[in-house]
Amino acid sequence: TALARIMKKRRDEGKSLDQMFVISPFRAVVNGITNKLPK
């Protein structure tokens, strides 16, 4: 939820999502982001 808020703010400022990476040390976190972020 915090990630999406910042991503939307940066997008509104003109930064393309194609110039963003979302990374984590943990596979479980990556899977959770993949499932939840589109929503």
PDB file of all heavy atoms in Angstrom:
ATOM      1  N   THR A   1       0.840  -1.197   0.000  1.00  0.00           N
ATOM      2  CA  THR A   1       0.000   0.000   0.000  1.00  0.00           C
ATOM      3  C   THR A   1       0.875   1.247   0.000  1.00  0.00           C
ATOM      4  O   THR A   1       0.620   2.207  -0.746  1.00  0.00           O
ATOM      5  CB  THR A   1      -0.922   0.001   1.228  1.00  0.00           C
ATOM      6  OG1 THR A   1      -1.731  -1.186   1.214  1.00  0.00           O
ATOM      7  CG2 THR A   1      -1.826   1.228   1.232  1.00  0.00           C
ATOM      8  N   ALA A   2       1.920   1.246   0.824  1.00  0.00           N
ATOM      9  CA  ALA A   2       2.847   2.381   0.850  1.00  0.00           C
ATOM     10  C   ALA A   2       3.588   2.505  -0.477  1.00  0.00           C
ATOM     11  O   ALA A   2       3.797   3.620  -0.993  1.00  0.00           O
ATOM     12  CB  ALA A   2       3.836   2.213   1.996  1.00  0.00           C
ATOM     13  N   LEU A   3       3.978   1.375  -1.052  1.00  0.00           N
ATOM     14  CA  LEU A   3       4.661   1.367  -2.345  1.00  0.00           C
ATOM     15  C   LEU A   3       3.790   1.989  -3.425  1.00  0.00           C
ATOM     16  O   LEU A   3       4.246   2.851  -4.198  1.00  0.00           O
ATOM     17  CB  LEU A   3       5.022  -0.073  -2.721  1.00  0.00           C
ATOM     18  CG  LEU A   3       5.446  -0.325  -4.165  1.00  0.00           C
ATOM     19  CD1 LEU A   3       6.774   0.355  -4.454  1.00  0.00           C
ATOM     20  CD2 LEU A   3       5.528  -1.830  -4.448  1.00  0.00           C
ATOM     21  N   ALA A   4       2.534   1.547  -3.511  1.00  0.00           N
ATOM     22  CA  ALA A   4       1.636   2.055  -4.545  1.00  0.00           C
ATOM     23  C   ALA A   4       1.423   3.552  -4.416  1.00  0.00           C
ATOM     24  O   ALA A   4       1.350   4.274  -5.425  1.00  0.00           O
ATOM     25  CB  ALA A   4       0.295   1.314  -4.464  1.00  0.00           C
ATOM     26  N   ARG A   5       1.350   4.044  -3.191  1.00  0.00           N
ATOM     27  CA  ARG A   5       1.139   5.478  -2.981  1.00  0.00           C
ATOM     28  C   ARG A   5       2.303   6.285  -3.556  1.00  0.00           C
ATOM     29  O   ARG A   5       2.095   7.300  -4.238  1.00  0.00           O
ATOM     30  CB  ARG A   5       0.958   5.761  -1.487  1.00  0.00           C
ATOM     31  CG  ARG A   5       0.606   7.216  -1.162  1.00  0.00           C
ATOM     32  CD  ARG A   5       0.413   7.420   0.334  1.00  0.00           C
ATOM     33  NE  ARG A   5      -0.692   6.606   0.822  1.00  0.00           N
ATOM     34  CZ  ARG A   5      -0.585   5.638   1.718  1.00  0.00           C
ATOM     35  NH1 ARG A   5       0.615   5.342   2.216  1.00  0.00           N
ATOM     36  NH2 ARG A   5      -1.634   4.962   2.110  1.00  0.00           N
ATOM     37  N   ILE A   6       3.516   5.846  -3.293  1.00  0.00           N
ATOM     38  CA  ILE A   6       4.687   6.570  -3.798  1.00  0.00           C
ATOM     39  C   ILE A   6       4.805   6.422  -5.313  1.00  0.00           C
ATOM     40  O   ILE A   6       5.152   7.375  -6.027  1.00  0.00           O
ATOM     41  CB  ILE A   6       5.971   6.060  -3.113  1.00  0.00           C
ATOM     42  CG1 ILE A   6       5.898   6.289  -1.605  1.00  0.00           C
ATOM     43  CG2 ILE A   6       7.203   6.768  -3.676  1.00  0.00           C
ATOM     44  CD1 ILE A   6       5.790   7.745  -1.209  1.00  0.00           C
ATOM     45  N   MET A   7       4.520   5.238  -5.818  1.00  0.00           N
ATOM     46  CA  MET A   7       4.580   5.034  -7.263  1.00  0.00           C
ATOM     47  C   MET A   7       3.602   5.946  -7.993  1.00  0.00           C
ATOM     48  O   MET A   7       3.930   6.540  -9.034  1.00  0.00           O
ATOM     49  CB  MET A   7       4.291   3.571  -7.604  1.00  0.00           C
ATOM     50  CG  MET A   7       5.398   2.596  -7.224  1.00  0.00           C
ATOM     51  SD  MET A   7       4.986   0.874  -7.648  1.00  0.00           S
ATOM     52  CE  MET A   7       4.905   0.978  -9.434  1.00  0.00           C
ATOM     53  N   LYS A   8       2.388   6.064  -7.480  1.00  0.00           N
ATOM     54  CA  LYS A   8       1.387   6.946  -8.104  1.00  0.00           C
ATOM     55  C   LYS A   8       1.836   8.397  -8.046  1.00  0.00           C
ATOM     56  O   LYS A   8       1.669   9.147  -9.015  1.00  0.00           O
ATOM     57  CB  LYS A   8       0.046   6.782  -7.387  1.00  0.00           C
ATOM     58  CG  LYS A   8      -0.617   5.435  -7.614  1.00  0.00           C
ATOM     59  CD  LYS A   8      -1.892   5.311  -6.784  1.00  0.00           C
ATOM     60  CE  LYS A   8      -2.538   3.952  -6.943  1.00  0.00           C
ATOM     61  NZ  LYS A   8      -3.751   3.805  -6.096  1.00  0.00           N
ATOM     62  N   LYS A   9       2.437   8.788  -6.928  1.00  0.00           N
ATOM     63  CA  LYS A   9       2.912  10.162  -6.792  1.00  0.00           C
ATOM     64  C   LYS A   9       4.003  10.456  -7.815  1.00  0.00           C
ATOM     65  O   LYS A   9       3.991  11.500  -8.475  1.00  0.00           O
ATOM     66  CB  LYS A   9       3.435  10.389  -5.368  1.00  0.00           C
ATOM     67  CG  LYS A   9       3.908  11.814  -5.072  1.00  0.00           C
ATOM     68  CD  LYS A   9       4.297  11.947  -3.610  1.00  0.00           C
ATOM     69  CE  LYS A   9       4.647  13.387  -3.266  1.00  0.00           C
ATOM     70  NZ  LYS A   9       5.846  13.863  -3.986  1.00  0.00           N
ATOM     71  N   ARG A  10       4.945   9.536  -7.961  1.00  0.00           N
ATOM     72  CA  ARG A  10       6.023   9.740  -8.921  1.00  0.00           C
ATOM     73  C   ARG A  10       5.507   9.721 -10.367  1.00  0.00           C
ATOM     74  O   ARG A  10       6.000  10.467 -11.218  1.00  0.00           O
ATOM     75  CB  ARG A  10       7.109   8.670  -8.741  1.00  0.00           C
ATOM     76  CG  ARG A  10       7.846   8.709  -7.406  1.00  0.00           C
ATOM     77  CD  ARG A  10       8.396  10.097  -7.072  1.00  0.00           C
ATOM     78  NE  ARG A  10       9.123  10.690  -8.170  1.00  0.00           N
ATOM     79  CZ  ARG A  10      10.426  10.498  -8.388  1.00  0.00           C
ATOM     80  NH1 ARG A  10      11.121   9.735  -7.555  1.00  0.00           N
ATOM     81  NH2 ARG A  10      11.026  11.088  -9.397  1.00  0.00           N
ATOM     82  N   ARG A  11       4.503   8.886 -10.616  1.00  0.00           N
ATOM     83  CA  ARG A  11       3.907   8.856 -11.956  1.00  0.00           C
ATOM     84  C   ARG A  11       3.213  10.193 -12.257  1.00  0.00           C
ATOM     85  O   ARG A  11       3.333  10.718 -13.370  1.00  0.00           O
ATOM     86  CB  ARG A  11       2.911   7.708 -12.063  1.00  0.00           C
ATOM     87  CG  ARG A  11       2.331   7.536 -13.461  1.00  0.00           C
ATOM     88  CD  ARG A  11       1.287   6.446 -13.506  1.00  0.00           C
ATOM     89  NE  ARG A  11       0.179   6.712 -12.601  1.00  0.00           N
ATOM     90  CZ  ARG A  11      -0.955   6.004 -12.573  1.00  0.00           C
ATOM     91  NH1 ARG A  11      -1.102   4.980 -13.396  1.00  0.00           N
ATOM     92  NH2 ARG A  11      -1.902   6.288 -11.714  1.00  0.00           N
ATOM     93  N   ASP A  12       2.530  10.740 -11.271  1.00  0.00           N
ATOM     94  CA  ASP A  12       1.861  12.027 -11.460  1.00  0.00           C
ATOM     95  C   ASP A  12       2.862  13.149 -11.701  1.00  0.00           C
ATOM     96  O   ASP A  12       2.538  14.167 -12.331  1.00  0.00           O
ATOM     97  CB  ASP A  12       0.996  12.364 -10.240  1.00  0.00           C
ATOM     98  CG  ASP A  12      -0.191  11.418 -10.088  1.00  0.00           C
ATOM     99  OD1 ASP A  12      -0.536  10.728 -11.096  1.00  0.00           O
ATOM    100  OD2 ASP A  12      -0.763  11.336  -8.990  1.00  0.00           O
ATOM    101  N   GLU A  13       4.074  12.960 -11.191  1.00  0.00           N
ATOM    102  CA  GLU A  13       5.132  13.948 -11.402  1.00  0.00           C
ATOM    103  C   GLU A  13       5.832  13.779 -12.753  1.00  0.00           C
ATOM    104  O   GLU A  13       6.744  14.550 -13.086  1.00  0.00           O
ATOM    105  CB  GLU A  13       6.167  13.850 -10.278  1.00  0.00           C
ATOM    106  CG  GLU A  13       5.618  14.229  -8.910  1.00  0.00           C
ATOM    107  CD  GLU A  13       6.586  13.912  -7.771  1.00  0.00           C
ATOM    108  OE1 GLU A  13       7.576  13.200  -8.019  1.00  0.00           O
ATOM    109  OE2 GLU A  13       6.336  14.371  -6.641  1.00  0.00           O
ATOM    110  N   GLY A  14       5.411  12.762 -13.510  1.00  0.00           N
ATOM    111  CA  GLY A  14       5.959  12.579 -14.844  1.00  0.00           C
ATOM    112  C   GLY A  14       6.950  11.445 -15.004  1.00  0.00           C
ATOM    113  O   GLY A  14       7.514  11.258 -16.088  1.00  0.00           O
ATOM    114  N   LYS A  15       7.166  10.668 -13.944  1.00  0.00           N
ATOM    115  CA  LYS A  15       8.117   9.555 -14.026  1.00  0.00           C
ATOM    116  C   LYS A  15       7.404   8.301 -14.539  1.00  0.00           C
ATOM    117  O   LYS A  15       6.412   7.854 -13.982  1.00  0.00           O
ATOM    118  CB  LYS A  15       8.741   9.282 -12.663  1.00  0.00           C
ATOM    119  CG  LYS A  15       9.775   8.174 -12.644  1.00  0.00           C
ATOM    120  CD  LYS A  15      10.962   8.490 -13.519  1.00  0.00           C
ATOM    121  CE  LYS A  15      11.785   9.642 -13.005  1.00  0.00           C
ATOM    122  NZ  LYS A  15      12.996   9.864 -13.836  1.00  0.00           N
ATOM    123  N   SER A  16       7.921   7.727 -15.608  1.00  0.00           N
ATOM    124  CA  SER A  16       7.318   6.545 -16.202  1.00  0.00           C
ATOM    125  C   SER A  16       7.522   5.316 -15.319  1.00  0.00           C
ATOM    126  O   SER A  16       8.582   5.146 -14.694  1.00  0.00           O
ATOM    127  CB  SER A  16       7.943   6.292 -17.580  1.00  0.00           C
ATOM    128  OG  SER A  16       7.587   5.017 -18.069  1.00  0.00           O
ATOM    129  N   LEU A  17       6.512   4.455 -15.266  1.00  0.00           N
ATOM    130  CA  LEU A  17       6.639   3.216 -14.507  1.00  0.00           C
ATOM    131  C   LEU A  17       7.729   2.317 -15.091  1.00  0.00           C
ATOM    132  O   LEU A  17       8.283   1.475 -14.389  1.00  0.00           O
ATOM    133  CB  LEU A  17       5.309   2.459 -14.495  1.00  0.00           C
ATOM    134  CG  LEU A  17       4.142   3.116 -13.746  1.00  0.00           C
ATOM    135  CD1 LEU A  17       2.915   2.215 -13.808  1.00  0.00           C
ATOM    136  CD2 LEU A  17       4.503   3.414 -12.303  1.00  0.00           C
ATOM    137  N   ASP A  18       8.034   2.505 -16.378  1.00  0.00           N
ATOM    138  CA  ASP A  18       9.084   1.704 -17.008  1.00  0.00           C
ATOM    139  C   ASP A  18      10.469   2.059 -16.480  1.00  0.00           C
ATOM    140  O   ASP A  18      11.433   1.329 -16.746  1.00  0.00           O
ATOM    141  CB  ASP A  18       9.059   1.896 -18.530  1.00  0.00           C
ATOM    142  CG  ASP A  18       7.860   1.215 -19.165  1.00  0.00           C
ATOM    143  OD1 ASP A  18       7.325   0.259 -18.552  1.00  0.00           O
ATOM    144  OD2 ASP A  18       7.447   1.640 -20.256  1.00  0.00           O
ATOM    145  N   GLN A  19      10.583   3.151 -15.739  1.00  0.00           N
ATOM    146  CA  GLN A  19      11.853   3.541 -15.135  1.00  0.00           C
ATOM    147  C   GLN A  19      11.873   3.261 -13.636  1.00  0.00           C
ATOM    148  O   GLN A  19      12.584   3.928 -12.885  1.00  0.00           O
ATOM    149  CB  GLN A  19      12.140   5.013 -15.419  1.00  0.00           C
ATOM    150  CG  GLN A  19      12.635   5.274 -16.831  1.00  0.00           C
ATOM    151  CD  GLN A  19      13.917   4.496 -17.125  1.00  0.00           C
ATOM    152  OE1 GLN A  19      14.818   4.415 -16.314  1.00  0.00           O
ATOM    153  NE2 GLN A  19      13.980   3.903 -18.309  1.00  0.00           N
ATOM    154  N   MET A  20      11.066   2.278 -13.211  1.00  0.00           N
ATOM    155  CA  MET A  20      11.008   1.908 -11.801  1.00  0.00           C
ATOM    156  C   MET A  20      11.266   0.421 -11.644  1.00  0.00           C
ATOM    157  O   MET A  20      10.776  -0.393 -12.431  1.00  0.00           O
ATOM    158  CB  MET A  20       9.633   2.245 -11.208  1.00  0.00           C
ATOM    159  CG  MET A  20       9.255   3.704 -11.265  1.00  0.00           C
ATOM    160  SD  MET A  20       7.637   4.012 -10.503  1.00  0.00           S
ATOM    161  CE  MET A  20       7.359   5.721 -10.968  1.00  0.00           C
ATOM    162  N   PHE A  21      12.039   0.057 -10.618  1.00  0.00           N
ATOM    163  CA  PHE A  21      12.227  -1.326 -10.198  1.00  0.00           C
ATOM    164  C   PHE A  21      11.683  -1.483  -8.787  1.00  0.00           C
ATOM    165  O   PHE A  21      11.846  -0.580  -7.950  1.00  0.00           O
ATOM    166  CB  PHE A  21      13.703  -1.724 -10.180  1.00  0.00           C
ATOM    167  CG  PHE A  21      14.310  -1.973 -11.538  1.00  0.00           C
ATOM    168  CD1 PHE A  21      15.687  -1.928 -11.697  1.00  0.00           C
ATOM    169  CD2 PHE A  21      13.532  -2.269 -12.642  1.00  0.00           C
ATOM    170  CE1 PHE A  21      16.269  -2.155 -12.933  1.00  0.00           C
ATOM    171  CE2 PHE A  21      14.096  -2.507 -13.885  1.00  0.00           C
ATOM    172  CZ  PHE A  21      15.471  -2.445 -14.032  1.00  0.00           C
ATOM    173  N   VAL A  22      11.062  -2.615  -8.513  1.00  0.00           N
ATOM    174  CA  VAL A  22      10.613  -2.966  -7.165  1.00  0.00           C
ATOM    175  C   VAL A  22      11.311  -4.261  -6.790  1.00  0.00           C
ATOM    176  O   VAL A  22      11.108  -5.293  -7.444  1.00  0.00           O
ATOM    177  CB  VAL A  22       9.081  -3.139  -7.102  1.00  0.00           C
ATOM    178  CG1 VAL A  22       8.655  -3.488  -5.672  1.00  0.00           C
ATOM    179  CG2 VAL A  22       8.370  -1.885  -7.591  1.00  0.00           C
ATOM    180  N   ILE A  23      12.147  -4.231  -5.769  1.00  0.00           N
ATOM    181  CA  ILE A  23      12.964  -5.397  -5.434  1.00  0.00           C
ATOM    182  C   ILE A  23      12.866  -5.709  -3.944  1.00  0.00           C
ATOM    183  O   ILE A  23      12.501  -4.852  -3.137  1.00  0.00           O
ATOM    184  CB  ILE A  23      14.441  -5.194  -5.836  1.00  0.00           C
ATOM    185  CG1 ILE A  23      15.027  -3.977  -5.122  1.00  0.00           C
ATOM    186  CG2 ILE A  23      14.574  -5.024  -7.346  1.00  0.00           C
ATOM    187  CD1 ILE A  23      16.486  -3.700  -5.497  1.00  0.00           C
ATOM    188  N   SER A  24      13.192  -6.940  -3.613  1.00  0.00           N
ATOM    189  CA  SER A  24      13.153  -7.387  -2.214  1.00  0.00           C
ATOM    190  C   SER A  24      14.170  -8.502  -2.023  1.00  0.00           C
ATOM    191  O   SER A  24      14.507  -9.218  -2.971  1.00  0.00           O
ATOM    192  CB  SER A  24      11.750  -7.896  -1.855  1.00  0.00           C
ATOM    193  OG  SER A  24      11.744  -8.453  -0.541  1.00  0.00           O
ATOM    194  N   PRO A  25      14.648  -8.673  -0.798  1.00  0.00           N
ATOM    195  CA  PRO A  25      15.543  -9.819  -0.539  1.00  0.00           C
ATOM    196  C   PRO A  25      14.829 -11.163  -0.589  1.00  0.00           C
ATOM    197  O   PRO A  25      15.480 -12.199  -0.704  1.00  0.00           O
ATOM    198  CB  PRO A  25      16.058  -9.551   0.885  1.00  0.00           C
ATOM    199  CG  PRO A  25      15.742  -8.123   1.169  1.00  0.00           C
ATOM    200  CD  PRO A  25      14.519  -7.802   0.377  1.00  0.00           C
ATOM    201  N   PHE A  26      13.472 -11.154  -0.506  1.00  0.00           N
ATOM    202  CA  PHE A  26      12.742 -12.389  -0.256  1.00  0.00           C
ATOM    203  C   PHE A  26      11.773 -12.721  -1.382  1.00  0.00           C
ATOM    204  O   PHE A  26      11.008 -11.864  -1.836  1.00  0.00           O
ATOM    205  CB  PHE A  26      11.974 -12.293   1.067  1.00  0.00           C
ATOM    206  CG  PHE A  26      12.835 -11.881   2.227  1.00  0.00           C
ATOM    207  CD1 PHE A  26      12.742 -10.602   2.760  1.00  0.00           C
ATOM    208  CD2 PHE A  26      13.756 -12.759   2.777  1.00  0.00           C
ATOM    209  CE1 PHE A  26      13.540 -10.213   3.828  1.00  0.00           C
ATOM    210  CE2 PHE A  26      14.564 -12.381   3.847  1.00  0.00           C
ATOM    211  CZ  PHE A  26      14.453 -11.108   4.370  1.00  0.00           C
ATOM    212  N   ARG A  27      11.757 -13.980  -1.790  1.00  0.00           N
ATOM    213  CA  ARG A  27      10.842 -14.444  -2.816  1.00  0.00           C
ATOM    214  C   ARG A  27       9.390 -14.304  -2.372  1.00  0.00           C
ATOM    215  O   ARG A  27       8.517 -13.958  -3.186  1.00  0.00           O
ATOM    216  CB  ARG A  27      11.174 -15.906  -3.152  1.00  0.00           C
ATOM    217  CG  ARG A  27      10.176 -16.625  -4.051  1.00  0.00           C
ATOM    218  CD  ARG A  27       9.899 -15.920  -5.348  1.00  0.00           C
ATOM    219  NE  ARG A  27      11.088 -15.669  -6.132  1.00  0.00           N
ATOM    220  CZ  ARG A  27      11.089 -14.969  -7.253  1.00  0.00           C
ATOM    221  NH1 ARG A  27       9.952 -14.413  -7.684  1.00  0.00           N
ATOM    222  NH2 ARG A  27      12.199 -14.780  -7.924  1.00  0.00           N
ATOM    223  N   ALA A  28       9.098 -14.562  -1.098  1.00  0.00           N
ATOM    224  CA  ALA A  28       7.717 -14.447  -0.608  1.00  0.00           C
ATOM    225  C   ALA A  28       7.210 -13.018  -0.735  1.00  0.00           C
ATOM    226  O   ALA A  28       6.037 -12.790  -1.045  1.00  0.00           O
ATOM    227  CB  ALA A  28       7.635 -14.916   0.849  1.00  0.00           C
ATOM    228  N   VAL A  29       8.079 -12.048  -0.497  1.00  0.00           N
ATOM    229  CA  VAL A  29       7.683 -10.641  -0.634  1.00  0.00           C
ATOM    230  C   VAL A  29       7.430 -10.310  -2.100  1.00  0.00           C
ATOM    231  O   VAL A  29       6.463  -9.624  -2.445  1.00  0.00           O
ATOM    232  CB  VAL A  29       8.763  -9.711  -0.037  1.00  0.00           C
ATOM    233  CG1 VAL A  29       8.417  -8.251  -0.295  1.00  0.00           C
ATOM    234  CG2 VAL A  29       8.897  -9.962   1.456  1.00  0.00           C
ATOM    235  N   VAL A  30       8.286 -10.792  -2.982  1.00  0.00           N
ATOM    236  CA  VAL A  30       8.093 -10.568  -4.420  1.00  0.00           C
ATOM    237  C   VAL A  30       6.756 -11.149  -4.874  1.00  0.00           C
ATOM    238  O   VAL A  30       5.997 -10.507  -5.610  1.00  0.00           O
ATOM    239  CB  VAL A  30       9.251 -11.186  -5.223  1.00  0.00           C
ATOM    240  CG1 VAL A  30       8.948 -11.187  -6.723  1.00  0.00           C
ATOM    241  CG2 VAL A  30      10.542 -10.427  -4.948  1.00  0.00           C
ATOM    242  N   ASN A  31       6.447 -12.358  -4.428  1.00  0.00           N
ATOM    243  CA  ASN A  31       5.164 -12.969  -4.795  1.00  0.00           C
ATOM    244  C   ASN A  31       3.990 -12.159  -4.268  1.00  0.00           C
ATOM    245  O   ASN A  31       2.983 -11.977  -4.957  1.00  0.00           O
ATOM    246  CB  ASN A  31       5.095 -14.400  -4.252  1.00  0.00           C
ATOM    247  CG  ASN A  31       6.078 -15.330  -4.940  1.00  0.00           C
ATOM    248  OD1 ASN A  31       6.536 -15.064  -6.040  1.00  0.00           O
ATOM    249  ND2 ASN A  31       6.417 -16.429  -4.282  1.00  0.00           N
ATOM    250  N   GLY A  32       4.112 -11.662  -3.037  1.00  0.00           N
ATOM    251  CA  GLY A  32       3.045 -10.853  -2.459  1.00  0.00           C
ATOM    252  C   GLY A  32       2.843  -9.548  -3.217  1.00  0.00           C
ATOM    253  O   GLY A  32       1.707  -9.111  -3.458  1.00  0.00           O
ATOM    254  N   ILE A  33       3.946  -8.911  -3.608  1.00  0.00           N
ATOM    255  CA  ILE A  33       3.864  -7.671  -4.386  1.00  0.00           C
ATOM    256  C   ILE A  33       3.203  -7.949  -5.733  1.00  0.00           C
ATOM    257  O   ILE A  33       2.326  -7.191  -6.187  1.00  0.00           O
ATOM    258  CB  ILE A  33       5.271  -7.076  -4.596  1.00  0.00           C
ATOM    259  CG1 ILE A  33       5.857  -6.620  -3.266  1.00  0.00           C
ATOM    260  CG2 ILE A  33       5.222  -5.902  -5.574  1.00  0.00           C
ATOM    261  CD1 ILE A  33       7.332  -6.260  -3.334  1.00  0.00           C
ATOM    262  N   THR A  34       3.591  -9.028  -6.380  1.00  0.00           N
ATOM    263  CA  THR A  34       3.037  -9.378  -7.685  1.00  0.00           C
ATOM    264  C   THR A  34       1.535  -9.576  -7.625  1.00  0.00           C
ATOM    265  O   THR A  34       0.792  -9.194  -8.546  1.00  0.00           O
ATOM    266  CB  THR A  34       3.715 -10.663  -8.212  1.00  0.00           C
ATOM    267  OG1 THR A  34       5.123 -10.435  -8.324  1.00  0.00           O
ATOM    268  CG2 THR A  34       3.168 -11.058  -9.568  1.00  0.00           C
ATOM    269  N   ASN A  35       1.048 -10.157  -6.535  1.00  0.00           N
ATOM    270  CA  ASN A  35      -0.391 -10.399  -6.394  1.00  0.00           C
ATOM    271  C   ASN A  35      -1.172  -9.156  -5.976  1.00  0.00           C
ATOM    272  O   ASN A  35      -2.293  -8.936  -6.438  1.00  0.00           O
ATOM    273  CB  ASN A  35      -0.624 -11.510  -5.358  1.00  0.00           C
ATOM    274  CG  ASN A  35      -0.128 -12.863  -5.841  1.00  0.00           C
ATOM    275  OD1 ASN A  35      -0.133 -13.142  -7.031  1.00  0.00           O
ATOM    276  ND2 ASN A  35       0.322 -13.694  -4.916  1.00  0.00           N
ATOM    277  N   LYS A  36      -0.579  -8.324  -5.131  1.00  0.00           N
ATOM    278  CA  LYS A  36      -1.330  -7.216  -4.531  1.00  0.00           C
ATOM    279  C   LYS A  36      -1.185  -5.896  -5.285  1.00  0.00           C
ATOM    280  O   LYS A  36      -2.135  -5.098  -5.331  1.00  0.00           O
ATOM    281  CB  LYS A  36      -0.896  -7.029  -3.068  1.00  0.00           C
ATOM    282  CG  LYS A  36      -1.664  -5.951  -2.307  1.00  0.00           C
ATOM    283  CD  LYS A  36      -1.285  -5.918  -0.839  1.00  0.00           C
ATOM    284  CE  LYS A  36      -1.930  -4.737  -0.109  1.00  0.00           C
ATOM    285  NZ  LYS A  36      -3.405  -4.719  -0.227  1.00  0.00           N
ATOM    286  N   LEU A  37      -0.029  -5.638  -5.878  1.00  0.00           N
ATOM    287  CA  LEU A  37       0.204  -4.321  -6.474  1.00  0.00           C
ATOM    288  C   LEU A  37      -0.797  -3.968  -7.579  1.00  0.00           C
ATOM    289  O   LEU A  37      -1.284  -2.825  -7.615  1.00  0.00           O
ATOM    290  CB  LEU A  37       1.638  -4.236  -7.003  1.00  0.00           C
ATOM    291  CG  LEU A  37       2.086  -2.859  -7.507  1.00  0.00           C
ATOM    292  CD1 LEU A  37       2.012  -1.822  -6.395  1.00  0.00           C
ATOM    293  CD2 LEU A  37       3.517  -2.922  -8.046  1.00  0.00           C
ATOM    294  N   PRO A  38      -1.151  -4.886  -8.498  1.00  0.00           N
ATOM    295  CA  PRO A  38      -2.136  -4.506  -9.528  1.00  0.00           C
ATOM    296  C   PRO A  38      -3.473  -4.052  -8.937  1.00  0.00           C
ATOM    297  O   PRO A  38      -4.156  -3.204  -9.523  1.00  0.00           O
ATOM    298  CB  PRO A  38      -2.295  -5.791 -10.351  1.00  0.00           C
ATOM    299  CG  PRO A  38      -1.024  -6.539 -10.142  1.00  0.00           C
ATOM    300  CD  PRO A  38      -0.621  -6.241  -8.719  1.00  0.00           C
ATOM    301  N   LYS A  39      -3.855  -4.599  -7.786  1.00  0.00           N
ATOM    302  CA  LYS A  39      -5.126  -4.229  -7.159  1.00  0.00           C
ATOM    303  C   LYS A  39      -5.093  -2.828  -6.564  1.00  0.00           C
ATOM    304  O   LYS A  39      -6.136  -2.212  -6.334  1.00  0.00           O
ATOM    305  CB  LYS A  39      -5.467  -5.239  -6.063  1.00  0.00           C
ATOM    306  CG  LYS A  39      -5.578  -6.679  -6.566  1.00  0.00           C
ATOM    307  CD  LYS A  39      -5.735  -7.665  -5.426  1.00  0.00           C
ATOM    308  CE  LYS A  39      -5.719  -9.103  -5.940  1.00  0.00           C
ATOM    309  NZ  LYS A  39      -5.771 -10.096  -4.827  1.00  0.00           N
TER     310      LYS A  39
END
